[in-house]
Amino acid sequence: MRLRSIFTNSFGILLSRITGLGRDVLMASALGASVWSDMFFVAFKLPNLFRRIFAEGAFTQAFMPSFIASRHKGVFATAIFLRFLLFLAAFSLVITFFPEPMTKLMAWGWEWSLIEQTAPLTAINFWYLDLIFIVTFLATLLQYKEHFATTALSTALLNISMITALWLYMKEDPRTVAYALSAAVLIGGFLQIVAHLVTLHRFKLDRLLLGGWKYRQAKDVKEEEKHFKSLFLPGILGNSTPQISAFADTILATFLMTGSVSYLFYANRIFQLPLALIAIATATVLFPAVSKALRNNQEEKAYKNLTQAFWLLAFLLGAAMIGGILLAEPVVWLLFERGKFTQAETLQTVQVLRMYMIGLLPFGLAKLFSLFLYASHRHREAAKIAVYSLVTSLSASLILMHPLGASGLALAGSLGGWVLFIFTVREVGSQKFINILKDKRSYYFLISMPLFAGIVYSANLWILEYIR
């Protein structure tokens, strides 16, 4: 297992997440959990939804195996890039001219006057999707070369851009702050592209793309494109479970009390830190290696990596889940309770965070197991599993949102995560999972987690006594 690459990727993600938390701290101070914070988060939600499903999810997991198998890699890559970019540019133009229907789609419970105020923010933020697709395409090429640091670190450029906007406009009215943040999103996207282009040139991959453009008419890649499409379309559904669930939660939260959208956003930002730092960093590094191993019929090597990665994730995610549940209040207090973010809003966010943390372990492990489905071109099976998870999450959201509010929406997402994990493991192979559990490290896990929980619980009591 490539521990060095995993830790390098994790460090980049950590830096990005730290700057992201710094951004959110400033945002909470400037906007609190108010109408304007809800408006910005709704506007930013749509491009993020499409980014995670299309760009970072389905695209990468369909493109990588197809690219590895391609006989004319430059031509194939160029053809896919141009098709996607033209489609996204046309889509973004439609949103620019007709932002109100898309905004209403995300906020069914809002009055039309609020929709009209939010629509311009939606139009601005949506162009980030085009920029981040370019970033994702370039990042996938770098992943093929097993270089991950640039992509992991570049997200910090987006956060730095938004932090700069907050620093410059924090004392302005909330409307100005929201528009400044939206402009900063696009600036950050451009900076990410520049960073990837510089690295691409260093690895001489720009020659691959230039060659692909030069010989695009001479080489036939129609069959390869057809195969890519057969993987990409199911991949959209396979990667959509947490994103569509979060998107639906945003819609449902607009029917709850003011600030519910913001509670979900702030809590999810904390939840995403260990998920990205541990699970996504590991899966990102392993995906090209596993794809190449399965392509070369080295199944034993691929599953050896799975076993090692499983226990690394089990220990780290298990500890993070316990810590997140028990230390939720001091963490939210430390990060957000200042300025316009009050103690009452802290307590609401704490409850949401605890419900999210219940799903940390299954979502992380499901990410690990699912990469084997995508690496072996079993995208349809992954899509079916995603449907089961999504139905569970949406059904639970409708049942739990009224008695539990925003916390119920977060809990529903976690239940969907457990369904995703169980069915993914079954599809990869229940016997393989049982063999992993028979590893001697399972005993250390069963002993260490309760001990860790006791230590964290005691520390939590001491911290709460101090901050109160």
Protein backbone atom coordinates (compact mmCIF):
# COMPACT_ATOMS: atom_id res chain seq x y z
CA MET A 1 0.00 0.00 0.00
CA ARG A 2 1.29 3.46 -0.93
CA LEU A 3 1.45 5.00 2.53
CA ARG A 4 3.71 7.83 1.43
CA SER A 5 1.29 8.88 -1.30
CA ILE A 6 -1.66 8.53 1.09
CA PHE A 7 -0.02 10.74 3.71
CA THR A 8 1.08 13.26 1.06
CA ASN A 9 -2.48 13.41 -0.24
CA SER A 10 -3.84 13.62 3.30
CA PHE A 11 -1.52 16.51 4.12
CA GLY A 12 -2.73 18.41 1.07
CA ILE A 13 -6.33 17.74 1.99
CA LEU A 14 -5.61 18.72 5.60
CA LEU A 15 -4.21 22.07 4.47
CA SER A 16 -7.22 22.61 2.23
CA ARG A 17 -9.64 21.68 5.00
CA ILE A 18 -7.89 23.88 7.54
CA THR A 19 -8.19 26.85 5.21
CA GLY A 20 -11.77 25.77 4.56
CA LEU A 21 -12.54 25.79 8.26
CA GLY A 22 -10.89 29.19 8.53
CA ARG A 23 -13.16 30.37 5.74
CA ASP A 24 -16.22 28.96 7.49
CA VAL A 25 -15.24 30.54 10.80
CA LEU A 26 -15.03 33.95 9.13
CA MET A 27 -18.27 33.29 7.27
CA ALA A 28 -20.05 32.34 10.48
CA SER A 29 -18.79 35.53 12.10
CA ALA A 30 -19.85 37.69 9.15
CA LEU A 31 -23.20 36.09 8.33
CA GLY A 32 -24.05 33.81 11.26
CA ALA A 33 -26.89 31.37 10.53
CA SER A 34 -29.04 33.98 8.83
CA VAL A 35 -31.14 34.43 5.73
CA TRP A 36 -28.11 35.62 3.73
CA SER A 37 -25.95 32.69 4.81
CA ASP A 38 -28.79 30.36 3.79
CA MET A 39 -29.00 32.15 0.43
CA PHE A 40 -25.29 31.81 -0.31
CA PHE A 41 -25.18 28.16 0.74
CA VAL A 42 -28.16 27.36 -1.47
CA ALA A 43 -26.52 29.15 -4.43
CA PHE A 44 -23.21 27.35 -3.85
CA LYS A 45 -24.93 24.00 -3.31
CA LEU A 46 -25.91 23.40 -6.93
CA PRO A 47 -22.44 23.66 -8.54
CA ASN A 48 -21.02 21.63 -5.65
CA LEU A 49 -23.66 18.95 -6.22
CA PHE A 50 -22.83 18.64 -9.91
CA ARG A 51 -19.11 18.91 -9.17
CA ARG A 52 -19.15 15.92 -6.82
CA ILE A 53 -21.43 13.77 -8.97
CA PHE A 54 -20.23 14.56 -12.50
CA ALA A 55 -16.73 15.98 -12.21
CA GLU A 56 -15.03 14.47 -9.15
CA GLY A 57 -17.16 11.32 -8.90
CA ALA A 58 -18.56 9.70 -12.03
CA PHE A 59 -16.09 11.30 -14.42
CA THR A 60 -12.92 10.25 -12.60
CA GLN A 61 -14.10 6.71 -11.92
CA ALA A 62 -15.21 6.17 -15.53
CA PHE A 63 -12.33 8.02 -17.17
CA MET A 64 -9.44 6.41 -15.29
CA PRO A 65 -10.12 2.74 -16.25
CA SER A 66 -10.99 3.79 -19.81
CA PHE A 67 -7.85 5.93 -20.09
CA ILE A 68 -5.64 3.09 -18.83
CA ALA A 69 -7.17 0.71 -21.38
CA SER A 70 -7.06 3.20 -24.28
CA ARG A 71 -4.69 2.57 -27.21
CA HIS A 72 -4.65 6.25 -28.19
CA LYS A 73 -4.62 8.00 -24.85
CA GLY A 74 -4.06 11.55 -26.10
CA VAL A 75 -6.82 11.42 -28.69
CA PHE A 76 -9.23 9.75 -26.27
CA ALA A 77 -8.53 12.28 -23.50
CA THR A 78 -8.90 15.26 -25.83
CA ALA A 79 -12.18 13.98 -27.29
CA ILE A 80 -13.75 13.43 -23.85
CA PHE A 81 -12.53 16.78 -22.55
CA LEU A 82 -13.98 18.80 -25.44
CA ARG A 83 -17.37 17.06 -25.29
CA PHE A 84 -17.78 17.63 -21.57
CA LEU A 85 -16.56 21.20 -21.60
CA LEU A 86 -18.92 22.24 -24.40
CA PHE A 87 -21.86 20.60 -22.65
CA LEU A 88 -21.09 22.24 -19.31
CA ALA A 89 -20.56 25.67 -20.89
CA ALA A 90 -23.95 25.43 -22.61
CA PHE A 91 -25.59 24.29 -19.36
CA SER A 92 -24.01 27.19 -17.46
CA LEU A 93 -25.30 29.68 -20.02
CA VAL A 94 -28.84 28.37 -19.51
CA ILE A 95 -28.49 28.79 -15.74
CA THR A 96 -27.11 32.31 -16.24
CA PHE A 97 -30.18 33.43 -18.18
CA PHE A 98 -32.74 31.41 -16.19
CA PRO A 99 -31.44 31.11 -12.62
CA GLU A 100 -34.81 31.38 -10.83
CA PRO A 101 -36.16 27.89 -11.72
CA MET A 102 -32.91 26.22 -10.62
CA THR A 103 -32.88 28.22 -7.39
CA LYS A 104 -36.49 27.25 -6.69
CA LEU A 105 -35.52 23.62 -7.31
CA MET A 106 -33.08 23.88 -4.41
CA ALA A 107 -35.34 25.85 -2.07
CA TRP A 108 -38.93 24.72 -2.52
CA GLY A 109 -39.97 26.06 0.85
CA TRP A 110 -38.88 29.66 0.18
CA GLU A 111 -41.10 32.52 -0.89
CA TRP A 112 -40.62 33.77 -4.45
CA SER A 113 -39.18 37.09 -3.26
CA LEU A 114 -36.36 35.21 -1.52
CA ILE A 115 -35.83 33.08 -4.63
CA GLU A 116 -35.40 36.22 -6.73
CA GLN A 117 -32.77 37.57 -4.32
CA THR A 118 -30.85 34.28 -4.39
CA ALA A 119 -31.05 33.69 -8.17
CA PRO A 120 -28.18 36.07 -9.15
CA LEU A 121 -25.92 34.30 -6.67
CA THR A 122 -26.87 30.97 -8.26
CA ALA A 123 -25.98 32.29 -11.72
CA ILE A 124 -22.55 33.44 -10.57
CA ASN A 125 -21.65 30.36 -8.55
CA PHE A 126 -22.71 27.88 -11.22
CA TRP A 127 -19.77 28.78 -13.47
CA TYR A 128 -17.52 27.20 -10.86
CA LEU A 129 -18.69 23.84 -12.24
CA ASP A 130 -17.01 24.54 -15.59
CA LEU A 131 -13.78 25.55 -13.89
CA ILE A 132 -13.70 22.59 -11.53
CA PHE A 133 -14.36 20.17 -14.39
CA ILE A 134 -11.16 21.38 -16.05
CA VAL A 135 -9.38 20.93 -12.73
CA THR A 136 -10.79 17.41 -12.32
CA PHE A 137 -9.81 16.39 -15.84
CA LEU A 138 -6.24 17.60 -15.34
CA ALA A 139 -6.15 16.01 -11.87
CA THR A 140 -7.16 12.62 -13.29
CA LEU A 141 -4.26 12.75 -15.73
CA LEU A 142 -1.94 13.52 -12.83
CA GLN A 143 -3.43 10.63 -10.85
CA TYR A 144 -2.51 8.34 -13.73
CA LYS A 145 1.07 9.42 -13.05
CA GLU A 146 0.33 8.78 -9.34
CA HIS A 147 0.79 12.45 -8.45
CA PHE A 148 -1.83 13.65 -5.95
CA ALA A 149 -0.31 16.58 -4.07
CA THR A 150 -1.27 19.33 -6.52
CA THR A 151 -4.95 18.40 -6.52
CA ALA A 152 -5.05 18.00 -2.75
CA LEU A 153 -3.34 21.33 -2.14
CA SER A 154 -5.13 23.34 -4.83
CA THR A 155 -8.45 23.42 -2.98
CA ALA A 156 -6.73 25.73 -0.52
CA LEU A 157 -6.56 28.30 -3.32
CA LEU A 158 -10.36 28.42 -3.44
CA ASN A 159 -10.53 28.85 0.32
CA ILE A 160 -7.82 31.52 0.32
CA SER A 161 -9.72 33.43 -2.35
CA MET A 162 -12.92 33.32 -0.26
CA ILE A 163 -11.05 34.22 2.94
CA THR A 164 -9.60 37.25 1.17
CA ALA A 165 -13.10 38.32 0.09
CA LEU A 166 -14.38 37.93 3.65
CA TRP A 167 -11.44 39.88 5.04
CA LEU A 168 -12.05 42.73 2.61
CA TYR A 169 -15.84 42.89 2.92
CA MET A 170 -16.64 41.50 6.38
CA LYS A 171 -17.79 44.88 7.71
CA GLU A 172 -20.08 45.47 4.74
CA ASP A 173 -23.76 44.57 4.66
CA PRO A 174 -24.65 40.83 4.28
CA ARG A 175 -25.70 41.27 0.64
CA THR A 176 -22.28 42.63 -0.33
CA VAL A 177 -20.54 39.82 1.56
CA ALA A 178 -22.58 37.17 -0.29
CA TYR A 179 -21.75 38.67 -3.71
CA ALA A 180 -18.07 39.04 -2.81
CA LEU A 181 -17.94 35.38 -1.81
CA SER A 182 -19.56 34.35 -5.11
CA ALA A 183 -16.96 36.28 -7.13
CA ALA A 184 -14.20 34.76 -5.00
CA VAL A 185 -15.45 31.26 -5.86
CA LEU A 186 -14.73 31.89 -9.56
CA ILE A 187 -11.33 33.46 -8.85
CA GLY A 188 -10.42 30.42 -6.77
CA GLY A 189 -11.46 28.12 -9.62
CA PHE A 190 -9.16 29.94 -12.07
CA LEU A 191 -6.25 29.67 -9.61
CA GLN A 192 -6.81 25.91 -9.31
CA ILE A 193 -6.63 25.53 -13.09
CA VAL A 194 -3.35 27.45 -13.25
CA ALA A 195 -1.80 25.27 -10.53
CA HIS A 196 -2.73 22.09 -12.41
CA LEU A 197 -1.49 23.39 -15.77
CA VAL A 198 1.92 24.14 -14.25
CA THR A 199 2.19 20.61 -12.82
CA LEU A 200 0.87 19.06 -16.02
CA HIS A 201 3.71 20.74 -17.91
CA ARG A 202 6.24 19.46 -15.37
CA PHE A 203 5.10 15.87 -16.04
CA LYS A 204 5.07 16.59 -19.81
CA LEU A 205 1.43 15.56 -20.03
CA ASP A 206 0.67 18.70 -22.00
CA ARG A 207 2.38 16.97 -24.93
CA LEU A 208 -0.13 14.14 -24.61
CA LEU A 209 -3.05 16.54 -24.98
CA LEU A 210 -1.43 18.51 -27.79
CA GLY A 211 -0.74 15.26 -29.61
CA GLY A 212 -4.32 14.18 -29.02
CA TRP A 213 -5.56 17.42 -30.58
CA LYS A 214 -3.19 17.07 -33.54
CA TYR A 215 -4.18 13.46 -34.35
CA ARG A 216 -7.84 13.64 -33.28
CA GLN A 217 -9.05 13.02 -36.85
CA ALA A 218 -6.49 10.32 -37.65
CA LYS A 219 -7.14 7.95 -34.75
CA ASP A 220 -10.42 6.11 -34.21
CA VAL A 221 -11.48 6.13 -30.56
CA LYS A 222 -15.23 5.71 -31.08
CA GLU A 223 -15.32 2.32 -29.38
CA GLU A 224 -13.35 3.67 -26.43
CA GLU A 225 -15.70 6.65 -26.15
CA LYS A 226 -18.66 4.28 -26.26
CA HIS A 227 -17.16 2.21 -23.47
CA PHE A 228 -16.52 5.34 -21.42
CA LYS A 229 -20.16 6.42 -21.79
CA SER A 230 -21.34 2.97 -20.69
CA LEU A 231 -19.36 3.46 -17.47
CA PHE A 232 -20.05 7.15 -16.97
CA LEU A 233 -23.85 7.09 -17.00
CA PRO A 234 -24.18 4.39 -14.28
CA GLY A 235 -21.30 6.12 -12.49
CA ILE A 236 -23.40 9.26 -12.16
CA LEU A 237 -25.95 7.33 -10.16
CA GLY A 238 -23.33 5.33 -8.31
CA ASN A 239 -21.63 8.48 -7.02
CA SER A 240 -24.78 10.45 -6.36
CA THR A 241 -26.00 8.92 -3.10
CA PRO A 242 -24.47 11.31 -0.54
CA GLN A 243 -24.69 14.29 -2.91
CA ILE A 244 -28.35 13.88 -3.87
CA SER A 245 -29.16 13.12 -0.25
CA ALA A 246 -27.41 16.33 0.86
CA PHE A 247 -29.15 18.22 -1.94
CA ALA A 248 -32.53 16.88 -0.82
CA ASP A 249 -31.67 17.78 2.77
CA THR A 250 -31.07 21.38 1.69
CA ILE A 251 -34.48 21.46 0.01
CA LEU A 252 -36.23 19.91 3.01
CA ALA A 253 -34.38 22.22 5.41
CA THR A 254 -36.01 25.22 3.73
CA PHE A 255 -39.30 23.98 5.19
CA LEU A 256 -37.82 24.04 8.70
CA MET A 257 -36.91 27.00 10.90
CA THR A 258 -34.59 29.74 9.64
CA GLY A 259 -30.96 28.72 9.94
CA SER A 260 -31.54 24.99 9.29
CA VAL A 261 -29.70 25.13 5.95
CA SER A 262 -26.75 26.75 7.72
CA TYR A 263 -26.77 24.21 10.58
CA LEU A 264 -26.50 21.42 8.03
CA PHE A 265 -23.72 23.23 6.16
CA TYR A 266 -21.54 24.00 9.19
CA ALA A 267 -21.96 20.51 10.67
CA ASN A 268 -21.28 18.85 7.32
CA ARG A 269 -18.09 20.87 6.91
CA ILE A 270 -16.75 19.33 10.13
CA PHE A 271 -17.98 15.87 9.12
CA GLN A 272 -16.26 16.15 5.73
CA LEU A 273 -12.85 16.85 7.33
CA PRO A 274 -12.09 13.31 8.59
CA LEU A 275 -13.97 11.76 5.66
CA ALA A 276 -11.78 13.56 3.12
CA LEU A 277 -8.58 13.45 5.16
CA ILE A 278 -8.76 9.70 5.77
CA ALA A 279 -11.16 7.90 3.43
CA ILE A 280 -11.10 10.00 0.27
CA ALA A 281 -7.33 10.52 0.46
CA THR A 282 -6.79 6.76 0.73
CA ALA A 283 -9.27 5.83 -2.00
CA THR A 284 -7.87 8.47 -4.37
CA VAL A 285 -4.34 7.09 -4.03
CA LEU A 286 -5.40 3.43 -4.34
CA PHE A 287 -7.76 3.85 -7.30
CA PRO A 288 -5.18 4.09 -10.13
CA ALA A 289 -3.04 1.36 -8.53
CA VAL A 290 -6.02 -0.99 -8.13
CA SER A 291 -7.22 -0.22 -11.67
CA LYS A 292 -3.80 -1.12 -13.09
CA ALA A 293 -3.55 -4.26 -10.93
CA LEU A 294 -6.96 -5.58 -12.00
CA ARG A 295 -6.20 -4.65 -15.61
CA ASN A 296 -3.04 -6.81 -15.41
CA ASN A 297 -4.87 -9.71 -13.65
CA GLN A 298 -3.05 -9.09 -10.36
CA GLU A 299 -6.11 -9.61 -8.16
CA GLU A 300 -4.15 -10.83 -5.13
CA LYS A 301 -2.11 -7.63 -5.11
CA ALA A 302 -5.27 -5.53 -5.34
CA TYR A 303 -6.96 -7.26 -2.40
CA LYS A 304 -3.81 -7.10 -0.29
CA ASN A 305 -4.00 -3.32 -0.66
CA LEU A 306 -7.68 -3.48 0.30
CA THR A 307 -6.96 -5.33 3.55
CA GLN A 308 -4.22 -2.92 4.60
CA ALA A 309 -6.32 0.12 3.70
CA PHE A 310 -9.38 -1.27 5.49
CA TRP A 311 -7.68 -1.48 8.85
CA LEU A 312 -6.00 1.88 8.44
CA LEU A 313 -9.42 3.42 7.79
CA ALA A 314 -11.17 1.38 10.48
CA PHE A 315 -8.87 2.67 13.23
CA LEU A 316 -8.71 6.27 12.05
CA LEU A 317 -12.38 6.66 11.09
CA GLY A 318 -13.52 4.81 14.20
CA ALA A 319 -11.54 7.18 16.40
CA ALA A 320 -12.80 10.20 14.45
CA MET A 321 -16.41 9.02 14.73
CA ILE A 322 -16.16 8.56 18.51
CA GLY A 323 -14.36 11.87 18.93
CA GLY A 324 -16.84 13.69 16.70
CA ILE A 325 -19.86 12.44 18.65
CA LEU A 326 -18.43 13.04 22.13
CA LEU A 327 -16.56 16.28 21.40
CA ALA A 328 -19.17 17.85 19.11
CA GLU A 329 -20.05 20.72 21.45
CA PRO A 330 -16.52 21.97 22.23
CA VAL A 331 -15.55 21.59 18.54
CA VAL A 332 -18.48 23.67 17.27
CA TRP A 333 -17.99 26.19 20.10
CA LEU A 334 -14.30 26.57 19.26
CA LEU A 335 -14.81 26.91 15.53
CA PHE A 336 -17.96 28.97 15.12
CA GLU A 337 -19.36 30.57 18.28
CA ARG A 338 -18.38 34.20 17.77
CA GLY A 339 -19.79 37.30 16.14
CA LYS A 340 -23.31 36.60 14.89
CA PHE A 341 -23.07 32.88 15.63
CA THR A 342 -24.72 32.49 19.05
CA GLN A 343 -24.78 29.75 21.70
CA ALA A 344 -28.25 28.68 20.58
CA GLU A 345 -26.93 28.15 17.04
CA THR A 346 -23.99 26.20 18.46
CA LEU A 347 -26.33 23.76 20.21
CA GLN A 348 -28.39 23.27 17.06
CA THR A 349 -25.26 22.59 15.00
CA VAL A 350 -23.95 20.16 17.64
CA GLN A 351 -27.03 17.95 17.34
CA VAL A 352 -26.74 17.88 13.56
CA LEU A 353 -23.02 17.08 13.73
CA ARG A 354 -23.58 14.10 16.05
CA MET A 355 -26.11 12.63 13.64
CA TYR A 356 -23.70 13.07 10.72
CA MET A 357 -20.88 11.39 12.65
CA ILE A 358 -22.90 8.18 13.00
CA GLY A 359 -22.37 7.70 9.27
CA LEU A 360 -18.65 8.51 9.12
CA LEU A 361 -17.35 4.93 9.38
CA PRO A 362 -19.75 3.36 6.83
CA PHE A 363 -19.37 6.17 4.28
CA GLY A 364 -15.57 5.97 4.52
CA LEU A 365 -15.37 2.20 4.23
CA ALA A 366 -17.94 2.15 1.43
CA LYS A 367 -15.69 4.58 -0.47
CA LEU A 368 -12.86 2.09 -0.14
CA PHE A 369 -14.81 -0.98 -1.25
CA SER A 370 -16.60 0.79 -4.09
CA LEU A 371 -13.33 1.65 -5.85
CA PHE A 372 -13.00 -2.09 -6.59
CA LEU A 373 -16.35 -2.02 -8.37
CA TYR A 374 -15.31 0.98 -10.47
CA ALA A 375 -11.80 -0.34 -11.17
CA SER A 376 -13.29 -3.61 -12.49
CA HIS A 377 -15.85 -1.71 -14.63
CA ARG A 378 -18.83 -2.81 -12.48
CA HIS A 379 -20.43 0.62 -12.53
CA ARG A 380 -23.96 -0.74 -12.98
CA GLU A 381 -23.75 -2.73 -9.77
CA ALA A 382 -22.51 0.36 -7.93
CA ALA A 383 -25.45 2.32 -9.36
CA LYS A 384 -27.99 -0.22 -8.07
CA ILE A 385 -26.46 -0.07 -4.60
CA ALA A 386 -26.63 3.74 -4.70
CA VAL A 387 -30.35 3.55 -5.43
CA TYR A 388 -30.93 1.40 -2.32
CA SER A 389 -28.98 3.86 -0.19
CA LEU A 390 -30.71 6.90 -1.67
CA VAL A 391 -34.20 5.48 -1.17
CA THR A 392 -33.34 4.70 2.46
CA SER A 393 -31.95 8.19 3.06
CA LEU A 394 -34.84 10.06 1.43
CA SER A 395 -37.50 7.94 3.15
CA ALA A 396 -35.85 8.43 6.53
CA SER A 397 -35.53 12.19 5.88
CA LEU A 398 -39.25 12.56 5.30
CA ILE A 399 -40.00 10.56 8.45
CA LEU A 400 -37.45 12.22 10.76
CA MET A 401 -37.44 15.87 9.63
CA HIS A 402 -40.48 16.97 11.61
CA PRO A 403 -39.79 15.31 14.97
CA LEU A 404 -36.02 15.97 14.88
CA GLY A 405 -35.63 18.94 12.53
CA ALA A 406 -32.25 19.37 10.82
CA SER A 407 -30.81 16.63 13.06
CA GLY A 408 -33.28 14.17 11.56
CA LEU A 409 -32.06 15.01 8.06
CA ALA A 410 -28.46 14.35 9.10
CA LEU A 411 -29.42 11.05 10.78
CA ALA A 412 -31.25 9.95 7.63
CA GLY A 413 -28.08 10.50 5.62
CA SER A 414 -26.11 8.34 8.05
CA LEU A 415 -28.65 5.51 7.76
CA GLY A 416 -28.23 5.69 4.00
CA GLY A 417 -24.47 5.39 4.53
CA TRP A 418 -24.86 2.12 6.43
CA VAL A 419 -27.04 0.70 3.65
CA LEU A 420 -24.44 1.80 1.10
CA PHE A 421 -21.66 0.08 3.03
CA ILE A 422 -23.51 -3.21 3.61
CA PHE A 423 -24.58 -3.67 -0.01
CA THR A 424 -21.18 -2.58 -1.40
CA VAL A 425 -19.38 -5.14 0.75
CA ARG A 426 -21.80 -7.84 -0.37
CA GLU A 427 -21.20 -6.97 -4.04
CA VAL A 428 -17.40 -6.93 -3.70
CA GLY A 429 -17.56 -10.24 -1.85
CA SER A 430 -18.86 -11.13 1.61
CA GLN A 431 -16.23 -13.85 2.03
CA LYS A 432 -13.45 -11.37 1.25
CA PHE A 433 -14.85 -9.08 3.96
CA ILE A 434 -15.01 -11.97 6.45
CA ASN A 435 -11.38 -12.80 5.66
CA ILE A 436 -10.44 -9.18 6.38
CA LEU A 437 -12.25 -9.34 9.74
CA LYS A 438 -10.31 -12.48 10.66
CA ASP A 439 -7.10 -10.49 10.54
CA LYS A 440 -5.37 -10.16 13.93
CA ARG A 441 -5.83 -6.39 13.77
CA SER A 442 -9.54 -6.90 14.53
CA TYR A 443 -8.65 -7.73 18.16
CA TYR A 444 -6.69 -4.52 18.55
CA PHE A 445 -9.63 -2.63 17.07
CA LEU A 446 -12.16 -4.15 19.49
CA ILE A 447 -9.94 -3.35 22.47
CA SER A 448 -8.75 0.10 21.49
CA MET A 449 -12.07 1.70 20.51
CA PRO A 450 -13.81 1.35 23.93
CA LEU A 451 -10.66 2.57 25.68
CA PHE A 452 -10.44 5.54 23.34
CA ALA A 453 -14.14 6.32 23.92
CA GLY A 454 -13.60 6.38 27.68
CA ILE A 455 -10.65 8.74 27.40
CA VAL A 456 -12.48 11.08 25.05
CA TYR A 457 -15.61 11.07 27.23
CA SER A 458 -13.56 12.09 30.28
CA ALA A 459 -11.82 14.80 28.29
CA ASN A 460 -15.19 16.06 27.05
CA LEU A 461 -16.52 16.45 30.60
CA TRP A 462 -13.46 18.46 31.57
CA ILE A 463 -13.67 20.71 28.48
CA LEU A 464 -17.38 21.39 28.94
CA GLU A 465 -16.80 22.31 32.55
CA TYR A 466 -14.14 24.77 31.40
CA ILE A 467 -16.10 26.46 28.57
CA ARG A 468 -19.27 26.76 30.64
